[in-house]
């Protein structure tokens, strides 16, 4: 209820404001690190991401993207030897972000959230001693961020947008991942 109320208030608060200049589109690419927040032995992984955002209004952006966690599972060892699962997490976040330009547009801070589709894939299930299989499911995510322009025309930006993914791919399983990426954006 609290997230819905926040999003409704944010949309209501920025609705009369016009979009920022002519830069309504934003392509973002980045990479960083992710860490599982629950589990007996939390996993970590490198991440790559890409997203597209469209400014509906100056302070309101709708966005969607893809975040990929590369080989988060640790090496598994048994009496027959060790094997490394060739696994990936795919997250497809989609939602709204409220953007606040500060210092005459030299810094932007943002916060938002929405839904996320999560898919876990293991490529070499036949080579792993036990217990690894792919799952998928739905959930939500929260994001906060900050970015600064790299050029005077404010086409190129660098920043960070930490994300918190909450998904429930199977009954009884609750995935909680924290992602910290460094991002480069092009606005047009």
Protein backbone atom coordinates (compact mmCIF):
# COMPACT_ATOMS: atom_id res chain seq x y z
CA UNK A 1 0.00 0.00 0.00
CA UNK A 2 2.82 2.43 0.88
CA UNK A 3 4.60 2.02 -2.47
CA UNK A 4 1.36 2.53 -4.41
CA UNK A 5 0.56 5.64 -2.41
CA UNK A 6 4.08 7.00 -3.00
CA UNK A 7 3.86 6.39 -6.76
CA UNK A 8 0.41 7.98 -7.00
CA UNK A 9 1.63 11.02 -5.07
CA UNK A 10 4.75 11.28 -7.25
CA UNK A 11 2.71 11.16 -10.47
CA UNK A 12 0.23 13.72 -9.12
CA UNK A 13 3.03 16.05 -7.96
CA UNK A 14 4.87 16.16 -11.29
CA UNK A 15 2.00 15.86 -13.76
CA UNK A 16 1.72 19.57 -14.69
CA UNK A 17 5.48 19.93 -15.29
CA UNK A 18 6.62 19.74 -18.91
CA UNK A 19 9.31 17.33 -20.11
CA UNK A 20 12.92 18.48 -19.82
CA UNK A 21 14.02 20.15 -23.05
CA UNK A 22 14.02 17.89 -26.07
CA UNK A 23 15.84 14.99 -24.34
CA UNK A 24 13.02 12.57 -23.61
CA UNK A 25 14.85 9.33 -24.48
CA UNK A 26 17.63 7.72 -22.47
CA UNK A 27 19.75 4.65 -23.27
CA UNK A 28 21.79 3.34 -20.35
CA UNK A 29 24.48 0.65 -20.20
CA UNK A 30 26.50 -0.40 -17.22
CA UNK A 31 28.12 -3.04 -15.12
CA UNK A 32 28.81 -3.74 -11.51
CA UNK A 33 28.23 -6.20 -8.71
CA UNK A 34 25.28 -8.02 -7.15
CA UNK A 35 24.86 -9.71 -3.80
CA UNK A 36 22.15 -12.06 -2.59
CA UNK A 37 20.59 -10.72 0.62
CA UNK A 38 19.14 -13.99 1.88
CA UNK A 39 20.16 -17.61 1.83
CA UNK A 40 22.41 -19.90 3.82
CA UNK A 41 25.49 -19.01 1.79
CA UNK A 42 24.84 -15.67 0.03
CA UNK A 43 26.03 -15.52 -3.56
CA UNK A 44 27.72 -12.64 -5.39
CA UNK A 45 28.21 -12.03 -9.09
CA UNK A 46 29.27 -9.52 -11.70
CA UNK A 47 26.37 -7.86 -13.53
CA UNK A 48 25.81 -6.26 -16.92
CA UNK A 49 22.79 -4.12 -17.64
CA UNK A 50 21.03 -2.10 -20.29
CA UNK A 51 17.86 -0.03 -20.12
CA UNK A 52 15.68 2.43 -21.96
CA UNK A 53 13.85 5.30 -20.30
CA UNK A 54 11.30 7.76 -21.64
CA UNK A 55 10.50 11.02 -19.88
CA UNK A 56 6.76 11.44 -19.67
CA UNK A 57 7.26 14.70 -17.78
CA UNK A 58 10.32 16.59 -16.58
CA UNK A 59 10.42 14.68 -13.28
CA UNK A 60 8.77 11.39 -14.29
CA UNK A 61 10.37 8.64 -16.35
CA UNK A 62 9.02 5.25 -17.40
CA UNK A 63 11.76 2.66 -17.92
CA UNK A 64 12.47 -0.96 -18.73
CA UNK A 65 15.68 -2.92 -18.97
CA UNK A 66 17.65 -6.13 -18.62
CA UNK A 67 20.12 -6.94 -15.82
CA UNK A 68 22.21 -10.13 -16.07
CA UNK A 69 24.01 -11.70 -13.09
CA UNK A 70 26.97 -13.74 -14.39
CA UNK A 71 27.72 -17.06 -12.63
CA UNK A 72 26.45 -16.31 -9.12
CA UNK A 73 26.62 -19.91 -7.80
CA UNK A 74 29.78 -21.13 -6.11
CA UNK A 75 31.76 -24.20 -7.16
CA UNK A 76 30.18 -27.46 -5.96
CA UNK A 77 32.40 -30.25 -4.67
CA UNK A 78 31.57 -33.86 -3.86
CA UNK A 79 33.39 -37.18 -3.56
CA UNK A 80 33.45 -37.35 -7.37
CA UNK A 81 35.15 -33.97 -7.88
CA UNK A 82 34.19 -30.34 -8.28
CA UNK A 83 32.06 -28.60 -10.88
CA UNK A 84 31.14 -25.00 -11.58
CA UNK A 85 27.54 -24.32 -12.60
CA UNK A 86 27.34 -22.16 -15.72
CA UNK A 87 24.41 -20.16 -14.42
CA UNK A 88 22.86 -16.75 -15.01
CA UNK A 89 20.22 -14.62 -13.37
CA UNK A 90 18.15 -12.50 -15.74
CA UNK A 91 16.07 -9.67 -14.31
CA UNK A 92 13.73 -7.59 -16.48
CA UNK A 93 12.70 -4.53 -14.43
CA UNK A 94 9.96 -2.17 -15.62
CA UNK A 95 8.47 0.77 -13.78
CA UNK A 96 8.52 4.46 -12.97
CA UNK A 97 11.28 6.70 -11.69
CA UNK A 98 10.89 10.17 -10.18
CA UNK A 99 13.85 12.38 -11.21
CA UNK A 100 14.94 15.55 -9.39
CA UNK A 101 17.49 17.79 -11.15
CA UNK A 102 19.69 19.69 -8.66
CA UNK A 103 22.27 22.46 -8.99
CA UNK A 104 20.84 23.79 -12.26
CA UNK A 105 20.82 20.36 -13.85
CA UNK A 106 24.41 19.43 -12.95
CA UNK A 107 23.22 16.57 -10.74
CA UNK A 108 20.15 14.38 -10.92
CA UNK A 109 18.90 12.18 -8.11
CA UNK A 110 16.13 9.67 -8.65
CA UNK A 111 14.01 7.06 -6.93
CA UNK A 112 11.41 4.63 -8.17
CA UNK A 113 10.27 1.08 -8.53
CA UNK A 114 7.98 -1.30 -10.32
CA UNK A 115 7.71 -4.92 -11.35
CA UNK A 116 10.45 -7.39 -12.23
CA UNK A 117 10.55 -10.71 -14.08
CA UNK A 118 13.32 -13.02 -12.83
CA UNK A 119 14.73 -16.05 -14.64
CA UNK A 120 17.49 -18.32 -13.35
CA UNK A 121 19.18 -20.50 -15.98
CA UNK A 122 21.77 -23.28 -15.57
CA UNK A 123 23.44 -24.32 -18.84
CA UNK A 124 25.26 -27.46 -17.65
CA UNK A 125 22.69 -29.25 -15.45
CA UNK A 126 23.92 -32.68 -16.63
CA UNK A 127 27.44 -32.03 -15.25
CA UNK A 128 26.39 -30.88 -11.75
CA UNK A 129 26.08 -33.45 -8.93
CA UNK A 130 22.71 -32.22 -7.62
CA UNK A 131 20.08 -29.64 -7.00
CA UNK A 132 20.52 -27.05 -9.78
CA UNK A 133 17.62 -26.26 -12.07
CA UNK A 134 16.21 -23.18 -13.72
CA UNK A 135 13.29 -21.25 -12.25
CA UNK A 136 11.45 -18.06 -13.11
CA UNK A 137 8.90 -15.79 -11.49
CA UNK A 138 7.62 -12.30 -10.82
CA UNK A 139 8.30 -9.72 -8.15
CA UNK A 140 9.14 -6.07 -7.65
CA UNK A 141 12.12 -3.78 -7.40
CA UNK A 142 13.19 -0.48 -5.90
CA UNK A 143 15.81 1.85 -7.36
CA UNK A 144 17.60 5.01 -6.27
CA UNK A 145 20.29 6.83 -8.15
CA UNK A 146 22.42 9.83 -8.92
CA UNK A 147 24.02 10.98 -12.18
CA UNK A 148 26.14 13.87 -13.48
CA UNK A 149 26.57 15.10 -17.09
CA UNK A 150 29.85 14.54 -18.89
CA UNK A 151 29.40 17.21 -21.59
CA UNK A 152 28.01 20.74 -21.81
CA UNK A 153 25.11 19.66 -24.00
CA UNK A 154 24.10 17.12 -21.32
CA UNK A 155 23.79 14.23 -23.78
CA UNK A 156 26.25 11.92 -21.96
CA UNK A 157 25.83 11.09 -18.26
CA UNK A 158 27.60 8.88 -15.70
CA UNK A 159 26.06 7.69 -12.48
CA UNK A 160 25.00 4.82 -10.25
CA UNK A 161 21.54 3.38 -9.64
CA UNK A 162 21.51 0.72 -6.91
CA UNK A 163 18.57 -1.67 -7.25
CA UNK A 164 16.88 -4.07 -4.87
CA UNK A 165 15.14 -7.01 -6.59
CA UNK A 166 12.50 -8.99 -4.67
CA UNK A 167 11.16 -12.03 -6.53
CA UNK A 168 9.37 -15.26 -5.62
CA UNK A 169 10.11 -17.69 -8.46
CA UNK A 170 8.73 -20.82 -6.74
CA UNK A 171 6.51 -21.43 -3.77
CA UNK A 172 8.57 -20.93 -0.64
CA UNK A 173 11.56 -19.41 -2.45
CA UNK A 174 12.22 -15.71 -1.90
CA UNK A 175 15.04 -14.17 -3.93
CA UNK A 176 16.42 -10.87 -2.64
CA UNK A 177 19.28 -9.33 -4.62
CA UNK A 178 21.04 -5.99 -4.23
CA UNK A 179 22.69 -4.65 -7.42
CA UNK A 180 25.24 -1.81 -7.51
CA UNK A 181 26.08 -0.74 -11.10
CA UNK A 182 28.14 2.06 -12.62
CA UNK A 183 26.11 3.40 -15.57
CA UNK A 184 26.72 5.44 -18.70
CA UNK A 185 23.72 7.09 -20.36
CA UNK A 186 23.05 8.81 -23.66
CA UNK A 187 20.08 11.17 -23.84
CA UNK A 188 18.46 12.25 -27.05
